[in-house]
N, C-alpha and C. Protein backbone atom coordinates (compact mmCIF):
# COMPACT_ATOMS: atom_id res chain seq x y z
N MET A 1 105.98 -63.33 -66.18
CA MET A 1 105.06 -63.97 -67.09
C MET A 1 104.32 -62.91 -67.89
N LYS A 2 104.38 -63.00 -69.18
CA LYS A 2 103.73 -62.02 -70.05
C LYS A 2 102.24 -62.31 -70.13
N SER A 3 101.45 -61.26 -70.04
CA SER A 3 100.00 -61.41 -70.11
C SER A 3 99.57 -61.38 -71.58
N SER A 4 98.66 -62.26 -71.93
CA SER A 4 98.11 -62.25 -73.29
C SER A 4 96.67 -62.68 -73.24
N ASN A 5 95.94 -62.27 -74.23
CA ASN A 5 94.55 -62.68 -74.36
C ASN A 5 94.45 -63.58 -75.57
N GLU A 6 93.87 -64.74 -75.39
CA GLU A 6 93.66 -65.67 -76.49
C GLU A 6 92.19 -65.97 -76.61
N THR A 7 91.77 -66.29 -77.80
CA THR A 7 90.38 -66.68 -78.04
C THR A 7 90.30 -68.19 -78.08
N TRP A 8 89.41 -68.75 -77.28
CA TRP A 8 89.20 -70.18 -77.24
C TRP A 8 87.75 -70.46 -77.64
N SER A 9 87.56 -71.55 -78.29
CA SER A 9 86.22 -72.01 -78.61
C SER A 9 85.93 -73.20 -77.71
N VAL A 10 84.92 -73.08 -76.88
CA VAL A 10 84.60 -74.13 -75.91
C VAL A 10 83.17 -74.59 -76.15
N LYS A 11 82.98 -75.89 -76.28
CA LYS A 11 81.63 -76.44 -76.47
C LYS A 11 81.07 -76.81 -75.10
N LEU A 12 79.89 -76.28 -74.82
CA LEU A 12 79.21 -76.58 -73.56
C LEU A 12 77.88 -77.26 -73.86
N PRO A 13 77.45 -78.17 -72.99
CA PRO A 13 76.11 -78.72 -73.14
C PRO A 13 75.08 -77.59 -73.07
N GLY A 14 74.00 -77.72 -73.79
CA GLY A 14 72.99 -76.67 -73.82
C GLY A 14 72.51 -76.23 -72.45
N SER A 15 72.33 -77.19 -71.54
CA SER A 15 71.84 -76.85 -70.20
C SER A 15 72.86 -76.00 -69.44
N LEU A 16 74.12 -76.31 -69.59
CA LEU A 16 75.16 -75.54 -68.91
C LEU A 16 75.31 -74.16 -69.55
N GLU A 17 75.22 -74.12 -70.86
CA GLU A 17 75.33 -72.84 -71.58
C GLU A 17 74.24 -71.88 -71.11
N GLY A 18 73.02 -72.40 -70.97
CA GLY A 18 71.92 -71.56 -70.50
C GLY A 18 72.12 -71.10 -69.07
N ALA A 19 72.64 -71.99 -68.23
CA ALA A 19 72.87 -71.64 -66.82
C ALA A 19 73.95 -70.57 -66.70
N VAL A 20 75.01 -70.70 -67.51
CA VAL A 20 76.09 -69.71 -67.48
C VAL A 20 75.56 -68.36 -67.96
N ALA A 21 74.81 -68.35 -69.03
CA ALA A 21 74.25 -67.09 -69.55
C ALA A 21 73.34 -66.43 -68.52
N ALA A 22 72.52 -67.22 -67.86
CA ALA A 22 71.61 -66.67 -66.84
C ALA A 22 72.39 -66.11 -65.65
N ALA A 23 73.41 -66.84 -65.21
CA ALA A 23 74.21 -66.37 -64.07
C ALA A 23 74.95 -65.08 -64.43
N ALA A 24 75.47 -64.99 -65.65
CA ALA A 24 76.16 -63.77 -66.08
C ALA A 24 75.19 -62.59 -66.11
N ARG A 25 73.99 -62.84 -66.61
CA ARG A 25 72.95 -61.77 -66.63
C ARG A 25 72.63 -61.30 -65.22
N GLU A 26 72.49 -62.25 -64.30
CA GLU A 26 72.20 -61.90 -62.90
C GLU A 26 73.30 -61.04 -62.30
N ASP A 27 74.54 -61.35 -62.66
CA ASP A 27 75.68 -60.59 -62.14
C ASP A 27 75.89 -59.29 -62.90
N GLY A 28 75.18 -59.12 -64.01
CA GLY A 28 75.32 -57.90 -64.78
C GLY A 28 76.63 -57.83 -65.55
N VAL A 29 77.17 -59.00 -65.94
CA VAL A 29 78.42 -59.04 -66.69
C VAL A 29 78.23 -59.87 -67.95
N SER A 30 79.19 -59.79 -68.86
CA SER A 30 79.13 -60.60 -70.07
C SER A 30 79.44 -62.06 -69.73
N VAL A 31 79.03 -62.95 -70.62
CA VAL A 31 79.35 -64.37 -70.43
C VAL A 31 80.86 -64.54 -70.41
N GLU A 32 81.57 -63.82 -71.27
CA GLU A 32 83.04 -63.92 -71.30
C GLU A 32 83.64 -63.54 -69.94
N HIS A 33 83.16 -62.45 -69.37
CA HIS A 33 83.68 -62.02 -68.06
C HIS A 33 83.34 -63.04 -66.98
N TYR A 34 82.11 -63.54 -67.00
CA TYR A 34 81.68 -64.51 -66.01
C TYR A 34 82.54 -65.78 -66.07
N VAL A 35 82.77 -66.29 -67.29
CA VAL A 35 83.56 -67.51 -67.46
C VAL A 35 85.01 -67.25 -67.05
N THR A 36 85.55 -66.09 -67.39
CA THR A 36 86.92 -65.76 -67.00
C THR A 36 87.07 -65.78 -65.49
N ARG A 37 86.11 -65.17 -64.78
CA ARG A 37 86.16 -65.19 -63.30
C ARG A 37 86.08 -66.61 -62.76
N ALA A 38 85.19 -67.42 -63.36
CA ALA A 38 85.02 -68.80 -62.89
C ALA A 38 86.30 -69.61 -63.09
N VAL A 39 86.93 -69.44 -64.23
CA VAL A 39 88.18 -70.16 -64.50
C VAL A 39 89.28 -69.68 -63.55
N ALA A 40 89.34 -68.37 -63.33
CA ALA A 40 90.35 -67.83 -62.41
C ALA A 40 90.16 -68.40 -61.00
N ARG A 41 88.90 -68.47 -60.55
CA ARG A 41 88.64 -69.05 -59.22
C ARG A 41 89.02 -70.53 -59.19
N ALA A 42 88.65 -71.26 -60.23
CA ALA A 42 88.89 -72.70 -60.26
C ALA A 42 90.38 -73.03 -60.31
N THR A 43 91.18 -72.16 -60.90
CA THR A 43 92.62 -72.43 -61.01
C THR A 43 93.42 -71.78 -59.90
N GLY A 44 92.75 -71.04 -59.02
CA GLY A 44 93.45 -70.39 -57.92
C GLY A 44 94.18 -69.12 -58.34
N ARG A 45 94.02 -68.70 -59.58
CA ARG A 45 94.72 -67.52 -60.07
C ARG A 45 94.12 -66.24 -59.53
N SER A 46 92.84 -66.24 -59.23
CA SER A 46 92.22 -65.01 -58.76
C SER A 46 92.75 -64.62 -57.38
N ALA A 47 92.96 -65.60 -56.51
CA ALA A 47 93.45 -65.29 -55.16
C ALA A 47 94.87 -64.73 -55.22
N ALA A 48 95.71 -65.31 -56.05
CA ALA A 48 97.09 -64.83 -56.16
C ALA A 48 97.13 -63.43 -56.75
N ALA A 49 96.33 -63.19 -57.76
CA ALA A 49 96.30 -61.87 -58.38
C ALA A 49 95.74 -60.82 -57.41
N THR A 50 94.73 -61.20 -56.65
CA THR A 50 94.15 -60.27 -55.68
C THR A 50 95.16 -59.94 -54.60
N LYS A 51 95.85 -60.94 -54.09
CA LYS A 51 96.86 -60.70 -53.06
C LYS A 51 97.97 -59.79 -53.59
N ALA A 52 98.44 -60.05 -54.79
CA ALA A 52 99.49 -59.21 -55.37
C ALA A 52 99.01 -57.77 -55.54
N PHE A 53 97.77 -57.60 -55.97
CA PHE A 53 97.21 -56.25 -56.14
C PHE A 53 97.19 -55.51 -54.80
N PHE A 54 96.64 -56.14 -53.76
CA PHE A 54 96.53 -55.46 -52.48
C PHE A 54 97.88 -55.28 -51.79
N ASP A 55 98.80 -56.20 -51.99
CA ASP A 55 100.16 -56.00 -51.45
C ASP A 55 100.79 -54.76 -52.08
N GLY A 56 100.62 -54.61 -53.38
CA GLY A 56 101.16 -53.43 -54.07
C GLY A 56 100.51 -52.15 -53.60
N ARG A 57 99.19 -52.19 -53.42
CA ARG A 57 98.48 -51.00 -52.94
C ARG A 57 98.90 -50.66 -51.51
N ALA A 58 99.07 -51.67 -50.67
CA ALA A 58 99.43 -51.43 -49.27
C ALA A 58 100.82 -50.80 -49.16
N ALA A 59 101.71 -51.17 -50.06
CA ALA A 59 103.07 -50.64 -50.02
C ALA A 59 103.09 -49.12 -50.19
N GLY A 60 102.14 -48.59 -50.94
CA GLY A 60 102.09 -47.15 -51.17
C GLY A 60 100.98 -46.45 -50.40
N ALA A 61 100.42 -47.14 -49.41
CA ALA A 61 99.28 -46.58 -48.67
C ALA A 61 99.66 -45.35 -47.86
N GLU A 62 98.78 -44.39 -47.86
CA GLU A 62 98.93 -43.20 -47.02
C GLU A 62 97.83 -43.27 -45.97
N ILE A 63 98.17 -43.87 -44.85
CA ILE A 63 97.19 -44.18 -43.81
C ILE A 63 96.44 -42.94 -43.32
N GLU A 64 97.14 -41.87 -43.05
CA GLU A 64 96.48 -40.67 -42.54
C GLU A 64 95.51 -40.09 -43.57
N GLU A 65 95.88 -40.12 -44.83
CA GLU A 65 94.98 -39.64 -45.89
C GLU A 65 93.73 -40.52 -45.96
N ALA A 66 93.89 -41.84 -45.83
CA ALA A 66 92.75 -42.75 -45.84
C ALA A 66 91.83 -42.46 -44.65
N ARG A 67 92.41 -42.25 -43.49
CA ARG A 67 91.59 -41.94 -42.30
C ARG A 67 90.82 -40.64 -42.48
N ARG A 68 91.47 -39.63 -43.10
CA ARG A 68 90.79 -38.36 -43.35
C ARG A 68 89.58 -38.58 -44.26
N LEU A 69 89.76 -39.38 -45.30
CA LEU A 69 88.65 -39.65 -46.23
C LEU A 69 87.53 -40.43 -45.55
N LEU A 70 87.90 -41.41 -44.74
CA LEU A 70 86.88 -42.22 -44.07
C LEU A 70 86.12 -41.44 -43.01
N ASP A 71 86.76 -40.44 -42.42
CA ASP A 71 86.11 -39.68 -41.35
C ASP A 71 85.26 -38.52 -41.86
N ARG A 72 85.29 -38.23 -43.15
CA ARG A 72 84.53 -37.10 -43.67
C ARG A 72 83.04 -37.41 -43.64
N PRO A 73 82.21 -36.36 -43.60
CA PRO A 73 80.76 -36.59 -43.56
C PRO A 73 80.28 -37.28 -44.85
N GLY A 74 79.22 -38.03 -44.73
CA GLY A 74 78.65 -38.73 -45.87
C GLY A 74 77.96 -37.78 -46.83
N GLY A 75 77.68 -38.27 -47.99
CA GLY A 75 77.03 -37.47 -49.01
C GLY A 75 75.65 -38.00 -49.33
N ALA A 76 75.25 -37.77 -50.55
CA ALA A 76 73.94 -38.21 -51.01
C ALA A 76 73.96 -39.73 -51.26
N PRO A 77 72.78 -40.35 -51.22
CA PRO A 77 72.73 -41.78 -51.53
C PRO A 77 73.13 -42.00 -52.99
N PRO A 78 73.47 -43.24 -53.34
CA PRO A 78 73.90 -43.50 -54.72
C PRO A 78 72.80 -43.19 -55.73
N ALA A 79 73.23 -42.74 -56.90
CA ALA A 79 72.28 -42.49 -58.00
C ALA A 79 71.69 -43.83 -58.43
N PRO A 80 70.48 -43.83 -58.99
CA PRO A 80 69.85 -45.10 -59.39
C PRO A 80 70.76 -45.97 -60.26
N GLU A 81 71.51 -45.35 -61.18
CA GLU A 81 72.38 -46.15 -62.06
C GLU A 81 73.59 -46.73 -61.33
N ASP A 82 73.86 -46.26 -60.10
CA ASP A 82 74.98 -46.77 -59.32
C ASP A 82 74.56 -47.86 -58.34
N ARG A 83 73.27 -48.11 -58.24
CA ARG A 83 72.79 -49.13 -57.31
C ARG A 83 73.01 -50.51 -57.88
N LEU A 84 73.11 -51.50 -57.01
CA LEU A 84 73.28 -52.88 -57.45
C LEU A 84 72.03 -53.34 -58.20
N PRO A 85 72.20 -54.22 -59.20
CA PRO A 85 71.03 -54.80 -59.87
C PRO A 85 70.18 -55.56 -58.85
N GLU A 86 68.90 -55.67 -59.12
CA GLU A 86 67.95 -56.30 -58.19
C GLU A 86 68.42 -57.69 -57.74
N ALA A 87 68.90 -58.50 -58.67
CA ALA A 87 69.33 -59.87 -58.31
C ALA A 87 70.48 -59.84 -57.31
N ARG A 88 71.39 -58.89 -57.47
CA ARG A 88 72.52 -58.79 -56.54
C ARG A 88 72.04 -58.31 -55.18
N ARG A 89 71.06 -57.38 -55.15
CA ARG A 89 70.53 -56.91 -53.86
C ARG A 89 69.86 -58.05 -53.13
N GLU A 90 69.12 -58.89 -53.86
CA GLU A 90 68.43 -60.02 -53.22
C GLU A 90 69.44 -60.98 -52.62
N ARG A 91 70.55 -61.25 -53.33
CA ARG A 91 71.56 -62.16 -52.79
C ARG A 91 72.27 -61.56 -51.59
N ALA A 92 72.38 -60.23 -51.54
CA ALA A 92 73.05 -59.57 -50.43
C ALA A 92 72.16 -59.55 -49.18
N GLY A 93 70.88 -59.75 -49.36
CA GLY A 93 69.95 -59.75 -48.24
C GLY A 93 69.11 -58.50 -48.25
N GLU A 94 67.84 -58.65 -48.04
CA GLU A 94 66.92 -57.53 -48.15
C GLU A 94 67.19 -56.44 -47.12
N ASP A 95 67.78 -56.78 -45.99
CA ASP A 95 68.02 -55.76 -44.97
C ASP A 95 69.43 -55.19 -45.05
N SER A 96 70.17 -55.52 -46.10
CA SER A 96 71.55 -55.01 -46.24
C SER A 96 71.53 -53.55 -46.66
N ARG A 97 71.98 -52.67 -45.79
CA ARG A 97 71.99 -51.23 -46.11
C ARG A 97 72.97 -50.92 -47.21
N ILE A 98 74.07 -51.63 -47.27
CA ILE A 98 75.05 -51.38 -48.31
C ILE A 98 74.49 -51.80 -49.67
N ALA A 99 73.83 -52.96 -49.71
CA ALA A 99 73.29 -53.46 -50.97
C ALA A 99 72.19 -52.56 -51.53
N THR A 100 71.41 -51.95 -50.65
CA THR A 100 70.30 -51.13 -51.13
C THR A 100 70.69 -49.68 -51.32
N GLY A 101 71.84 -49.29 -50.80
CA GLY A 101 72.26 -47.91 -50.93
C GLY A 101 71.72 -47.01 -49.84
N ASP A 102 71.05 -47.61 -48.85
CA ASP A 102 70.55 -46.80 -47.73
C ASP A 102 71.71 -46.33 -46.88
N SER A 103 71.51 -45.30 -46.13
CA SER A 103 72.57 -44.74 -45.30
C SER A 103 73.06 -45.77 -44.30
N VAL A 104 74.38 -45.82 -44.14
CA VAL A 104 74.99 -46.76 -43.20
C VAL A 104 75.25 -46.07 -41.87
N ALA A 105 75.25 -44.74 -41.87
CA ALA A 105 75.56 -43.97 -40.66
C ALA A 105 74.49 -44.12 -39.60
């Protein structure tokens, strides 16, 4: 199946349009990206694409190299620009060390 990008014009009720825009802002993505993800989830295409991606990655996996990387000592905490947006941290839970960038070790 050939991949293509098409432009569609979709009319949404004002209340839904505002909710979509707010949700996209919270996720830190464009409305286009947010809607694309939602459509992919609704049609089941995201699960199939994700499975195909990870199956392909697993086929070429170098397990010993991955273990070496995982076993190495940790580094500095994430830079401020690499941290999750506040809304995402709140959804992940206030005590989530991964969401806040605190040390997991």
